């Protein structure tokens, strides 16, 4: 039997505000910071605004602050299935039920054929004109 559970997945959300707070709270030298993460100030601020941080940059930021990368993520949250995923699960479950019903009916037909002797000779009366 097929079983799908979308609730088992964990969603980790990147928290850009945490990076921003780190830079403010630590009163860093931004020239040194940009040099260490190998980005221009314009590139960094665009990345933060558009929320397009790449993993390699995140690793450099974490190294700069000497913290694990996970510091910049929110607490893990179980992912909720979308409406389409819910509908897909419902269809799969319905399909499983129909497959079981088909299998049960086939077994029933086989049992009937086995236990019943049906004559294959059929007499068809001739119609009068």
C-alpha atoms as a PDB file:
ATOM      1  CA  UNK A   1       0.000   0.000   0.000  1.00  0.00           C
ATOM      2  CA  UNK A   2       1.283   3.441  -0.940  1.00  0.00           C
ATOM      3  CA  UNK A   3       1.639   5.916   1.872  1.00  0.00           C
ATOM      4  CA  UNK A   4       2.711   9.548   1.577  1.00  0.00           C
ATOM      5  CA  UNK A   5       3.066  11.915   4.505  1.00  0.00           C
ATOM      6  CA  UNK A   6       3.988  15.504   3.668  1.00  0.00           C
ATOM      7  CA  UNK A   7       3.940  16.423   7.364  1.00  0.00           C
ATOM      8  CA  UNK A   8       7.169  14.454   7.910  1.00  0.00           C
ATOM      9  CA  UNK A   9       9.255  17.061   6.125  1.00  0.00           C
ATOM     10  CA  UNK A  10      10.929  19.815   8.099  1.00  0.00           C
ATOM     11  CA  UNK A  11      11.169  23.323   6.732  1.00  0.00           C
ATOM     12  CA  UNK A  12      14.147  25.480   7.750  1.00  0.00           C
ATOM     13  CA  UNK A  13      13.615  29.171   7.038  1.00  0.00           C
ATOM     14  CA  UNK A  14      16.566  31.450   6.409  1.00  0.00           C
ATOM     15  CA  UNK A  15      16.288  34.476   8.679  1.00  0.00           C
ATOM     16  CA  UNK A  16      17.904  37.491   6.991  1.00  0.00           C
ATOM     17  CA  UNK A  17      16.997  39.656   9.986  1.00  0.00           C
ATOM     18  CA  UNK A  18      19.379  37.597  12.133  1.00  0.00           C
ATOM     19  CA  UNK A  19      22.276  38.450   9.825  1.00  0.00           C
ATOM     20  CA  UNK A  20      21.260  42.090   9.875  1.00  0.00           C
ATOM     21  CA  UNK A  21      21.057  42.043  13.681  1.00  0.00           C
ATOM     22  CA  UNK A  22      24.493  40.420  13.939  1.00  0.00           C
ATOM     23  CA  UNK A  23      26.058  43.152  11.835  1.00  0.00           C
ATOM     24  CA  UNK A  24      24.388  45.889  13.910  1.00  0.00           C
ATOM     25  CA  UNK A  25      24.961  44.373  17.360  1.00  0.00           C
ATOM     26  CA  UNK A  26      28.619  43.532  16.748  1.00  0.00           C
ATOM     27  CA  UNK A  27      29.382  46.990  15.363  1.00  0.00           C
ATOM     28  CA  UNK A  28      31.560  45.495  12.662  1.00  0.00           C
ATOM     29  CA  UNK A  29      33.955  47.161  10.267  1.00  0.00           C
ATOM     30  CA  UNK A  30      31.928  46.789   7.057  1.00  0.00           C
ATOM     31  CA  UNK A  31      34.950  47.275   4.802  1.00  0.00           C
ATOM     32  CA  UNK A  32      36.600  44.266   6.487  1.00  0.00           C
ATOM     33  CA  UNK A  33      33.306  42.341   6.476  1.00  0.00           C
ATOM     34  CA  UNK A  34      32.768  42.809   2.723  1.00  0.00           C
ATOM     35  CA  UNK A  35      36.377  41.856   2.084  1.00  0.00           C
ATOM     36  CA  UNK A  36      36.070  38.647   4.147  1.00  0.00           C
ATOM     37  CA  UNK A  37      32.813  37.547   2.513  1.00  0.00           C
ATOM     38  CA  UNK A  38      34.207  38.521  -0.900  1.00  0.00           C
ATOM     39  CA  UNK A  39      31.332  40.802  -1.870  1.00  0.00           C
ATOM     40  CA  UNK A  40      30.856  44.450  -2.681  1.00  0.00           C
ATOM     41  CA  UNK A  41      28.611  46.494  -0.423  1.00  0.00           C
ATOM     42  CA  UNK A  42      26.132  46.931  -3.309  1.00  0.00           C
ATOM     43  CA  UNK A  43      26.081  43.172  -3.947  1.00  0.00           C
ATOM     44  CA  UNK A  44      25.591  42.415  -0.256  1.00  0.00           C
ATOM     45  CA  UNK A  45      22.727  44.872   0.224  1.00  0.00           C
ATOM     46  CA  UNK A  46      21.015  43.720  -2.994  1.00  0.00           C
ATOM     47  CA  UNK A  47      21.325  40.101  -1.859  1.00  0.00           C
ATOM     48  CA  UNK A  48      19.828  40.957   1.521  1.00  0.00           C
ATOM     49  CA  UNK A  49      17.005  43.009  -0.020  1.00  0.00           C
ATOM     50  CA  UNK A  50      16.118  40.351  -2.609  1.00  0.00           C
ATOM     51  CA  UNK A  51      16.725  37.488  -0.158  1.00  0.00           C
ATOM     52  CA  UNK A  52      18.993  35.659  -2.593  1.00  0.00           C
ATOM     53  CA  UNK A  53      21.780  34.590  -0.245  1.00  0.00           C
ATOM     54  CA  UNK A  54      23.906  31.743  -1.618  1.00  0.00           C
ATOM     55  CA  UNK A  55      25.208  28.968   0.600  1.00  0.00           C
ATOM     56  CA  UNK A  56      28.871  29.830   0.033  1.00  0.00           C
ATOM     57  CA  UNK A  57      28.234  33.443   1.129  1.00  0.00           C
ATOM     58  CA  UNK A  58      26.283  32.276   4.179  1.00  0.00           C
ATOM     59  CA  UNK A  59      29.225  30.052   5.129  1.00  0.00           C
ATOM     60  CA  UNK A  60      31.598  33.041   4.834  1.00  0.00           C
ATOM     61  CA  UNK A  61      29.294  35.211   6.972  1.00  0.00           C
ATOM     62  CA  UNK A  62      29.077  32.474   9.622  1.00  0.00           C
ATOM     63  CA  UNK A  63      32.873  32.101   9.559  1.00  0.00           C
ATOM     64  CA  UNK A  64      33.289  35.878   9.931  1.00  0.00           C
ATOM     65  CA  UNK A  65      31.152  35.860  13.090  1.00  0.00           C
ATOM     66  CA  UNK A  66      32.607  32.505  14.206  1.00  0.00           C
ATOM     67  CA  UNK A  67      29.158  30.916  14.547  1.00  0.00           C
ATOM     68  CA  UNK A  68      27.543  27.860  12.935  1.00  0.00           C
ATOM     69  CA  UNK A  69      25.546  28.435   9.750  1.00  0.00           C
ATOM     70  CA  UNK A  70      22.433  27.236  11.586  1.00  0.00           C
ATOM     71  CA  UNK A  71      22.567  30.454  13.664  1.00  0.00           C
ATOM     72  CA  UNK A  72      20.938  32.292  10.762  1.00  0.00           C
ATOM     73  CA  UNK A  73      17.955  29.971  10.430  1.00  0.00           C
ATOM     74  CA  UNK A  74      14.662  30.022  12.279  1.00  0.00           C
ATOM     75  CA  UNK A  75      13.657  27.068  14.392  1.00  0.00           C
ATOM     76  CA  UNK A  76      12.612  24.120  12.226  1.00  0.00           C
ATOM     77  CA  UNK A  77       8.916  24.039  11.414  1.00  0.00           C
ATOM     78  CA  UNK A  78       6.998  21.057  10.054  1.00  0.00           C
ATOM     79  CA  UNK A  79       6.003  21.793   6.477  1.00  0.00           C
ATOM     80  CA  UNK A  80       2.288  21.856   5.798  1.00  0.00           C
ATOM     81  CA  UNK A  81       1.093  20.241   2.591  1.00  0.00           C
ATOM     82  CA  UNK A  82      -0.322  22.532  -0.077  1.00  0.00           C
ATOM     83  CA  UNK A  83      -3.894  22.152  -1.317  1.00  0.00           C
ATOM     84  CA  UNK A  84      -2.565  20.366  -4.402  1.00  0.00           C
ATOM     85  CA  UNK A  85      -0.563  17.950  -2.254  1.00  0.00           C
ATOM     86  CA  UNK A  86      -3.642  17.283  -0.108  1.00  0.00           C
ATOM     87  CA  UNK A  87      -5.720  16.606  -3.225  1.00  0.00           C
ATOM     88  CA  UNK A  88      -2.967  14.317  -4.569  1.00  0.00           C
ATOM     89  CA  UNK A  89      -2.965  12.362  -1.295  1.00  0.00           C
ATOM     90  CA  UNK A  90      -6.756  12.041  -1.438  1.00  0.00           C
ATOM     91  CA  UNK A  91      -6.555  10.761  -5.027  1.00  0.00           C
ATOM     92  CA  UNK A  92      -3.866   8.240  -4.100  1.00  0.00           C
ATOM     93  CA  UNK A  93      -5.930   6.990  -1.181  1.00  0.00           C
ATOM     94  CA  UNK A  94      -9.020   6.729  -3.387  1.00  0.00           C
ATOM     95  CA  UNK A  95      -6.973   4.880  -6.003  1.00  0.00           C
ATOM     96  CA  UNK A  96      -5.738   2.439  -3.342  1.00  0.00           C
ATOM     97  CA  UNK A  97      -9.310   1.772  -2.251  1.00  0.00           C
ATOM     98  CA  UNK A  98     -10.438   1.217  -5.850  1.00  0.00           C
ATOM     99  CA  UNK A  99      -7.520  -1.156  -6.500  1.00  0.00           C
ATOM    100  CA  UNK A 100      -8.519  -3.167  -3.414  1.00  0.00           C
ATOM    101  CA  UNK A 101     -12.135  -3.272  -4.601  1.00  0.00           C
ATOM    102  CA  UNK A 102     -11.078  -4.414  -8.092  1.00  0.00           C
ATOM    103  CA  UNK A 103      -8.888  -7.123  -6.603  1.00  0.00           C
ATOM    104  CA  UNK A 104     -11.752  -8.283  -4.334  1.00  0.00           C
ATOM    105  CA  UNK A 105     -14.160  -8.413  -7.296  1.00  0.00           C
ATOM    106  CA  UNK A 106     -11.678 -10.400  -9.405  1.00  0.00           C
ATOM    107  CA  UNK A 107     -11.336 -12.910  -6.569  1.00  0.00           C
ATOM    108  CA  UNK A 108     -15.102 -13.122  -6.307  1.00  0.00           C
ATOM    109  CA  UNK A 109     -15.433 -13.745 -10.079  1.00  0.00           C
ATOM    110  CA  UNK A 110     -12.768 -16.486  -9.931  1.00  0.00           C
ATOM    111  CA  UNK A 111     -14.592 -18.144  -7.031  1.00  0.00           C
ATOM    112  CA  UNK A 112     -17.911 -17.983  -8.875  1.00  0.00           C
ATOM    113  CA  UNK A 113     -16.359 -19.461 -12.020  1.00  0.00           C
ATOM    114  CA  UNK A 114     -14.772 -22.223  -9.971  1.00  0.00           C
ATOM    115  CA  UNK A 115     -17.953 -23.104  -8.058  1.00  0.00           C
ATOM    116  CA  UNK A 116     -20.432 -22.761 -10.905  1.00  0.00           C
ATOM    117  CA  UNK A 117     -20.648 -24.902 -13.965  1.00  0.00           C
ATOM    118  CA  UNK A 118     -21.977 -22.631 -16.657  1.00  0.00           C
ATOM    119  CA  UNK A 119     -22.759 -24.123 -19.995  1.00  0.00           C
ATOM    120  CA  UNK A 120     -21.120 -22.333 -22.865  1.00  0.00           C
ATOM    121  CA  UNK A 121     -23.653 -23.815 -25.288  1.00  0.00           C
ATOM    122  CA  UNK A 122     -26.250 -21.165 -25.755  1.00  0.00           C
ATOM    123  CA  UNK A 123     -29.415 -21.881 -27.704  1.00  0.00           C
ATOM    124  CA  UNK A 124     -30.580 -18.920 -29.706  1.00  0.00           C
ATOM    125  CA  UNK A 125     -34.082 -19.360 -31.069  1.00  0.00           C
ATOM    126  CA  UNK A 126     -34.696 -18.533 -34.711  1.00  0.00           C
ATOM    127  CA  UNK A 127     -36.981 -15.642 -35.345  1.00  0.00           C
ATOM    128  CA  UNK A 128     -39.998 -16.173 -37.621  1.00  0.00           C
ATOM    129  CA  UNK A 129     -40.387 -13.896 -40.538  1.00  0.00           C
END
